[in-house]
Amino acid sequence: MKSQARVLGNDPKTGHIVKARIGRYGPMVEIEGEEGQKGRFASLKKGQLIESITLEEALALFALPRDLGQLDGEELSVGIGKYGPYVRHGKSFASLQKGDDPYTLTYERAAAELPRRARHAGQERPLRGLHRLQGQELPLAQGQQTRRAHARRLSEDRRRLEKIATPTT
């Protein structure tokens, strides 16, 4: 069963129908695609209702991702993704703070947000097991000691069983 959609009008750029409806992830607007093609979708902002949204408000929701300009030779843009609003600089992503609106975010604010949020992005992580390469052993927590002893016992038992199961000639 498809939900009832409210037709808002036609997109001035493409002439396709724009409608508001309840989708899988909540209230949204849709610009229908060509025959056999998928349409474009955008979620409604908090406070917007399917019953009262206008065509202009609906078209404004499709403004993201929005290019803000160049920063250090790479594109700076803002959008809304799976984990909320973000700033993108080249291949780096930084989440925006709760109060920041991606529709009105300025270039200066986005540039200031990047170093604050992505300060650990370029750092290398320490290698796991480096202590073993250096010939050191780290102290184990009590639970880990018990698990390792149990695993050692199991492998010893398995070796004894294999020895018994193989016929000697």
C-alpha atoms as a PDB file:
ATOM      1  CA  MET A   1       0.000   0.000   0.000  1.00  0.00           C
ATOM      2  CA  LYS A   2       1.489   3.332  -1.065  1.00  0.00           C
ATOM      3  CA  SER A   3       0.982   6.355   1.134  1.00  0.00           C
ATOM      4  CA  GLN A   4      -0.991   9.311  -0.140  1.00  0.00           C
ATOM      5  CA  ALA A   5       1.183  12.002  -1.682  1.00  0.00           C
ATOM      6  CA  ARG A   6       0.403  15.721  -1.792  1.00  0.00           C
ATOM      7  CA  VAL A   7       1.312  17.230  -5.167  1.00  0.00           C
ATOM      8  CA  LEU A   8       3.004  20.616  -4.674  1.00  0.00           C
ATOM      9  CA  GLY A   9       3.541  21.574  -8.320  1.00  0.00           C
ATOM     10  CA  ASN A  10       6.177  21.215 -11.026  1.00  0.00           C
ATOM     11  CA  ASP A  11       9.936  21.703 -10.754  1.00  0.00           C
ATOM     12  CA  PRO A  12      10.748  24.850 -12.786  1.00  0.00           C
ATOM     13  CA  LYS A  13      14.079  23.370 -14.020  1.00  0.00           C
ATOM     14  CA  THR A  14      12.864  19.968 -15.219  1.00  0.00           C
ATOM     15  CA  GLY A  15       9.079  20.275 -15.325  1.00  0.00           C
ATOM     16  CA  HIS A  16       8.713  17.110 -13.229  1.00  0.00           C
ATOM     17  CA  ILE A  17       6.096  16.747 -10.506  1.00  0.00           C
ATOM     18  CA  VAL A  18       7.124  17.655  -6.933  1.00  0.00           C
ATOM     19  CA  LYS A  19       5.205  15.950  -4.159  1.00  0.00           C
ATOM     20  CA  ALA A  20       5.333  15.560  -0.368  1.00  0.00           C
ATOM     21  CA  ARG A  21       4.628  12.257   1.329  1.00  0.00           C
ATOM     22  CA  ILE A  22       5.561   9.890   4.147  1.00  0.00           C
ATOM     23  CA  GLY A  23       8.427   7.642   3.113  1.00  0.00           C
ATOM     24  CA  ARG A  24      10.304   4.805   4.693  1.00  0.00           C
ATOM     25  CA  TYR A  25      12.333   7.154   6.928  1.00  0.00           C
ATOM     26  CA  GLY A  26       9.693   9.801   7.635  1.00  0.00           C
ATOM     27  CA  PRO A  27       8.215  12.843   5.901  1.00  0.00           C
ATOM     28  CA  MET A  28       9.898  13.772   2.623  1.00  0.00           C
ATOM     29  CA  VAL A  29       9.575  15.537  -0.703  1.00  0.00           C
ATOM     30  CA  GLU A  30      10.205  13.931  -4.075  1.00  0.00           C
ATOM     31  CA  ILE A  31      10.935  15.225  -7.547  1.00  0.00           C
ATOM     32  CA  GLU A  32       9.778  12.463  -9.865  1.00  0.00           C
ATOM     33  CA  GLY A  33      12.323  11.146 -12.360  1.00  0.00           C
ATOM     34  CA  GLU A  34      12.046  10.426 -16.061  1.00  0.00           C
ATOM     35  CA  GLU A  35      10.089   7.357 -17.143  1.00  0.00           C
ATOM     36  CA  GLY A  36      11.932   4.321 -15.729  1.00  0.00           C
ATOM     37  CA  GLN A  37      14.353   6.443 -13.666  1.00  0.00           C
ATOM     38  CA  LYS A  38      14.428   7.010  -9.935  1.00  0.00           C
ATOM     39  CA  GLY A  39      13.368  10.371  -8.550  1.00  0.00           C
ATOM     40  CA  ARG A  40      15.235  12.665  -6.166  1.00  0.00           C
ATOM     41  CA  PHE A  41      14.303  12.669  -2.472  1.00  0.00           C
ATOM     42  CA  ALA A  42      14.901  15.021   0.472  1.00  0.00           C
ATOM     43  CA  SER A  43      13.764  14.784   4.099  1.00  0.00           C
ATOM     44  CA  LEU A  44      11.674  17.539   5.615  1.00  0.00           C
ATOM     45  CA  LYS A  45      13.265  19.743   8.297  1.00  0.00           C
ATOM     46  CA  LYS A  46      11.964  19.735  11.851  1.00  0.00           C
ATOM     47  CA  GLY A  47       8.831  21.828  12.056  1.00  0.00           C
ATOM     48  CA  GLN A  48       7.888  21.344   8.393  1.00  0.00           C
ATOM     49  CA  LEU A  49       4.637  19.496   7.738  1.00  0.00           C
ATOM     50  CA  ILE A  50       3.482  17.670   4.625  1.00  0.00           C
ATOM     51  CA  GLU A  51       0.148  19.492   4.842  1.00  0.00           C
ATOM     52  CA  SER A  52       1.656  23.003   4.888  1.00  0.00           C
ATOM     53  CA  ILE A  53       4.943  22.864   2.918  1.00  0.00           C
ATOM     54  CA  THR A  54       5.052  25.037  -0.202  1.00  0.00           C
ATOM     55  CA  LEU A  55       6.707  24.301  -3.546  1.00  0.00           C
ATOM     56  CA  GLU A  56       9.464  26.870  -2.855  1.00  0.00           C
ATOM     57  CA  GLU A  57      10.257  25.346   0.561  1.00  0.00           C
ATOM     58  CA  ALA A  58      10.323  21.863  -0.977  1.00  0.00           C
ATOM     59  CA  LEU A  59      12.723  22.897  -3.769  1.00  0.00           C
ATOM     60  CA  ALA A  60      15.020  24.549  -1.198  1.00  0.00           C
ATOM     61  CA  LEU A  61      15.476  21.128   0.456  1.00  0.00           C
ATOM     62  CA  PHE A  62      17.267  19.908  -2.702  1.00  0.00           C
ATOM     63  CA  ALA A  63      20.016  22.544  -2.323  1.00  0.00           C
ATOM     64  CA  LEU A  64      22.326  20.060  -0.559  1.00  0.00           C
ATOM     65  CA  PRO A  65      25.110  19.105  -0.964  1.00  0.00           C
ATOM     66  CA  ARG A  66      26.126  22.745  -1.342  1.00  0.00           C
ATOM     67  CA  ASP A  67      29.539  23.900  -2.574  1.00  0.00           C
ATOM     68  CA  LEU A  68      31.038  26.668  -0.446  1.00  0.00           C
ATOM     69  CA  GLY A  69      34.216  27.279  -2.466  1.00  0.00           C
ATOM     70  CA  GLN A  70      37.877  26.278  -2.503  1.00  0.00           C
ATOM     71  CA  LEU A  71      40.055  25.798   0.591  1.00  0.00           C
ATOM     72  CA  ASP A  72      43.749  24.944   0.113  1.00  0.00           C
ATOM     73  CA  GLY A  73      43.068  23.942  -3.494  1.00  0.00           C
ATOM     74  CA  GLU A  74      40.276  21.465  -2.640  1.00  0.00           C
ATOM     75  CA  GLU A  75      36.505  21.810  -2.740  1.00  0.00           C
ATOM     76  CA  LEU A  76      34.709  22.693   0.512  1.00  0.00           C
ATOM     77  CA  SER A  77      31.079  21.549   0.655  1.00  0.00           C
ATOM     78  CA  VAL A  78      28.332  20.924   3.187  1.00  0.00           C
ATOM     79  CA  GLY A  79      25.567  18.311   3.197  1.00  0.00           C
ATOM     80  CA  ILE A  80      23.437  15.950   5.255  1.00  0.00           C
ATOM     81  CA  GLY A  81      24.418  12.285   5.419  1.00  0.00           C
ATOM     82  CA  LYS A  82      23.603   9.129   7.305  1.00  0.00           C
ATOM     83  CA  TYR A  83      25.060  10.502  10.560  1.00  0.00           C
ATOM     84  CA  GLY A  84      23.747  14.054  10.229  1.00  0.00           C
ATOM     85  CA  PRO A  85      25.065  17.317   8.777  1.00  0.00           C
ATOM     86  CA  TYR A  86      28.718  17.400   7.732  1.00  0.00           C
ATOM     87  CA  VAL A  87      31.443  19.503   6.106  1.00  0.00           C
ATOM     88  CA  ARG A  88      33.558  17.897   3.400  1.00  0.00           C
ATOM     89  CA  HIS A  89      37.037  19.081   2.405  1.00  0.00           C
ATOM     90  CA  GLY A  90      38.572  16.879  -0.262  1.00  0.00           C
ATOM     91  CA  LYS A  91      38.326  13.380   1.226  1.00  0.00           C
ATOM     92  CA  SER A  92      37.956  14.552   4.853  1.00  0.00           C
ATOM     93  CA  PHE A  93      34.569  14.743   6.533  1.00  0.00           C
ATOM     94  CA  ALA A  94      33.706  16.537   9.789  1.00  0.00           C
ATOM     95  CA  SER A  95      30.348  16.459  11.578  1.00  0.00           C
ATOM     96  CA  LEU A  96      28.691  19.765  12.336  1.00  0.00           C
ATOM     97  CA  GLN A  97      27.632  20.838  15.801  1.00  0.00           C
ATOM     98  CA  LYS A  98      23.974  20.559  16.803  1.00  0.00           C
ATOM     99  CA  GLY A  99      23.195  24.250  16.277  1.00  0.00           C
ATOM    100  CA  ASP A 100      24.733  24.490  12.788  1.00  0.00           C
ATOM    101  CA  ASP A 101      22.297  24.516   9.872  1.00  0.00           C
ATOM    102  CA  PRO A 102      23.828  23.138   6.656  1.00  0.00           C
ATOM    103  CA  TYR A 103      21.427  25.238   4.560  1.00  0.00           C
ATOM    104  CA  THR A 104      22.767  28.527   5.969  1.00  0.00           C
ATOM    105  CA  LEU A 105      26.331  27.603   6.992  1.00  0.00           C
ATOM    106  CA  THR A 106      28.934  30.116   5.803  1.00  0.00           C
ATOM    107  CA  TYR A 107      32.332  29.417   4.262  1.00  0.00           C
ATOM    108  CA  GLU A 108      34.130  30.895   7.302  1.00  0.00           C
ATOM    109  CA  ARG A 109      32.175  28.756   9.775  1.00  0.00           C
ATOM    110  CA  ALA A 110      32.762  25.584   7.739  1.00  0.00           C
ATOM    111  CA  ALA A 111      36.500  26.316   7.450  1.00  0.00           C
ATOM    112  CA  ALA A 112      36.673  26.838  11.227  1.00  0.00           C
ATOM    113  CA  GLU A 113      34.774  23.598  11.886  1.00  0.00           C
ATOM    114  CA  LEU A 114      37.171  21.356   9.921  1.00  0.00           C
ATOM    115  CA  PRO A 115      40.314  21.542  12.078  1.00  0.00           C
ATOM    116  CA  ARG A 116      38.268  21.303  15.282  1.00  0.00           C
ATOM    117  CA  ARG A 117      36.414  18.139  14.221  1.00  0.00           C
ATOM    118  CA  ALA A 118      38.965  16.379  12.020  1.00  0.00           C
ATOM    119  CA  ARG A 119      42.071  16.927  14.146  1.00  0.00           C
ATOM    120  CA  HIS A 120      42.673  13.177  14.568  1.00  0.00           C
ATOM    121  CA  ALA A 121      41.806  12.229  10.999  1.00  0.00           C
ATOM    122  CA  GLY A 122      45.327  12.521   9.589  1.00  0.00           C
ATOM    123  CA  GLN A 123      47.174  10.927  12.495  1.00  0.00           C
ATOM    124  CA  GLU A 124      48.504   7.418  12.162  1.00  0.00           C
ATOM    125  CA  ARG A 125      47.248   4.907  14.678  1.00  0.00           C
ATOM    126  CA  PRO A 126      49.775   2.834  16.625  1.00  0.00           C
ATOM    127  CA  LEU A 127      50.339  -0.680  15.340  1.00  0.00           C
ATOM    128  CA  ARG A 128      48.566  -3.441  17.221  1.00  0.00           C
ATOM    129  CA  GLY A 129      50.985  -6.031  18.486  1.00  0.00           C
ATOM    130  CA  LEU A 130      53.997  -3.718  18.268  1.00  0.00           C
ATOM    131  CA  HIS A 131      55.033  -4.815  21.773  1.00  0.00           C
ATOM    132  CA  ARG A 132      55.398  -8.391  20.503  1.00  0.00           C
ATOM    133  CA  LEU A 133      57.639  -7.266  17.651  1.00  0.00           C
ATOM    134  CA  GLN A 134      59.831  -5.529  20.208  1.00  0.00           C
ATOM    135  CA  GLY A 135      60.012  -8.696  22.343  1.00  0.00           C
ATOM    136  CA  GLN A 136      57.831  -7.363  25.158  1.00  0.00           C
ATOM    137  CA  GLU A 137      54.689  -8.785  26.730  1.00  0.00           C
ATOM    138  CA  LEU A 138      51.921  -6.643  28.145  1.00  0.00           C
ATOM    139  CA  PRO A 139      50.166  -7.576  31.391  1.00  0.00           C
ATOM    140  CA  LEU A 140      46.838  -9.310  30.775  1.00  0.00           C
ATOM    141  CA  ALA A 141      43.583  -8.663  32.532  1.00  0.00           C
ATOM    142  CA  GLN A 142      42.292 -11.548  34.691  1.00  0.00           C
ATOM    143  CA  GLY A 143      39.637 -12.596  32.167  1.00  0.00           C
ATOM    144  CA  GLN A 144      42.143 -12.664  29.306  1.00  0.00           C
ATOM    145  CA  GLN A 145      44.518 -14.831  31.343  1.00  0.00           C
ATOM    146  CA  THR A 146      41.740 -17.339  31.986  1.00  0.00           C
ATOM    147  CA  ARG A 147      40.662 -17.402  28.315  1.00  0.00           C
ATOM    148  CA  ARG A 148      44.227 -17.910  27.080  1.00  0.00           C
ATOM    149  CA  ALA A 149      44.859 -20.723  29.573  1.00  0.00           C
ATOM    150  CA  HIS A 150      41.613 -22.390  28.500  1.00  0.00           C
ATOM    151  CA  ALA A 151      42.548 -22.069  24.808  1.00  0.00           C
ATOM    152  CA  ARG A 152      45.985 -23.542  25.522  1.00  0.00           C
ATOM    153  CA  ARG A 153      44.383 -26.502  27.318  1.00  0.00           C
ATOM    154  CA  LEU A 154      42.011 -27.100  24.411  1.00  0.00           C
ATOM    155  CA  SER A 155      44.823 -27.130  21.867  1.00  0.00           C
ATOM    156  CA  GLU A 156      46.857 -29.525  24.072  1.00  0.00           C
ATOM    157  CA  ASP A 157      43.827 -31.835  24.382  1.00  0.00           C
ATOM    158  CA  ARG A 158      43.301 -31.699  20.611  1.00  0.00           C
ATOM    159  CA  ARG A 159      46.940 -32.674  20.007  1.00  0.00           C
ATOM    160  CA  ARG A 160      46.621 -35.649  22.419  1.00  0.00           C
ATOM    161  CA  LEU A 161      43.420 -36.810  20.711  1.00  0.00           C
ATOM    162  CA  GLU A 162      45.041 -36.581  17.280  1.00  0.00           C
ATOM    163  CA  LYS A 163      47.991 -38.601  18.557  1.00  0.00           C
ATOM    164  CA  ILE A 164      45.663 -41.295  19.875  1.00  0.00           C
ATOM    165  CA  ALA A 165      43.518 -41.315  16.700  1.00  0.00           C
ATOM    166  CA  THR A 166      46.405 -41.758  14.278  1.00  0.00           C
ATOM    167  CA  PRO A 167      47.392 -45.420  13.923  1.00  0.00           C
ATOM    168  CA  THR A 168      51.031 -46.216  14.542  1.00  0.00           C
ATOM    169  CA  THR A 169      52.773 -48.608  12.211  1.00  0.00           C
END
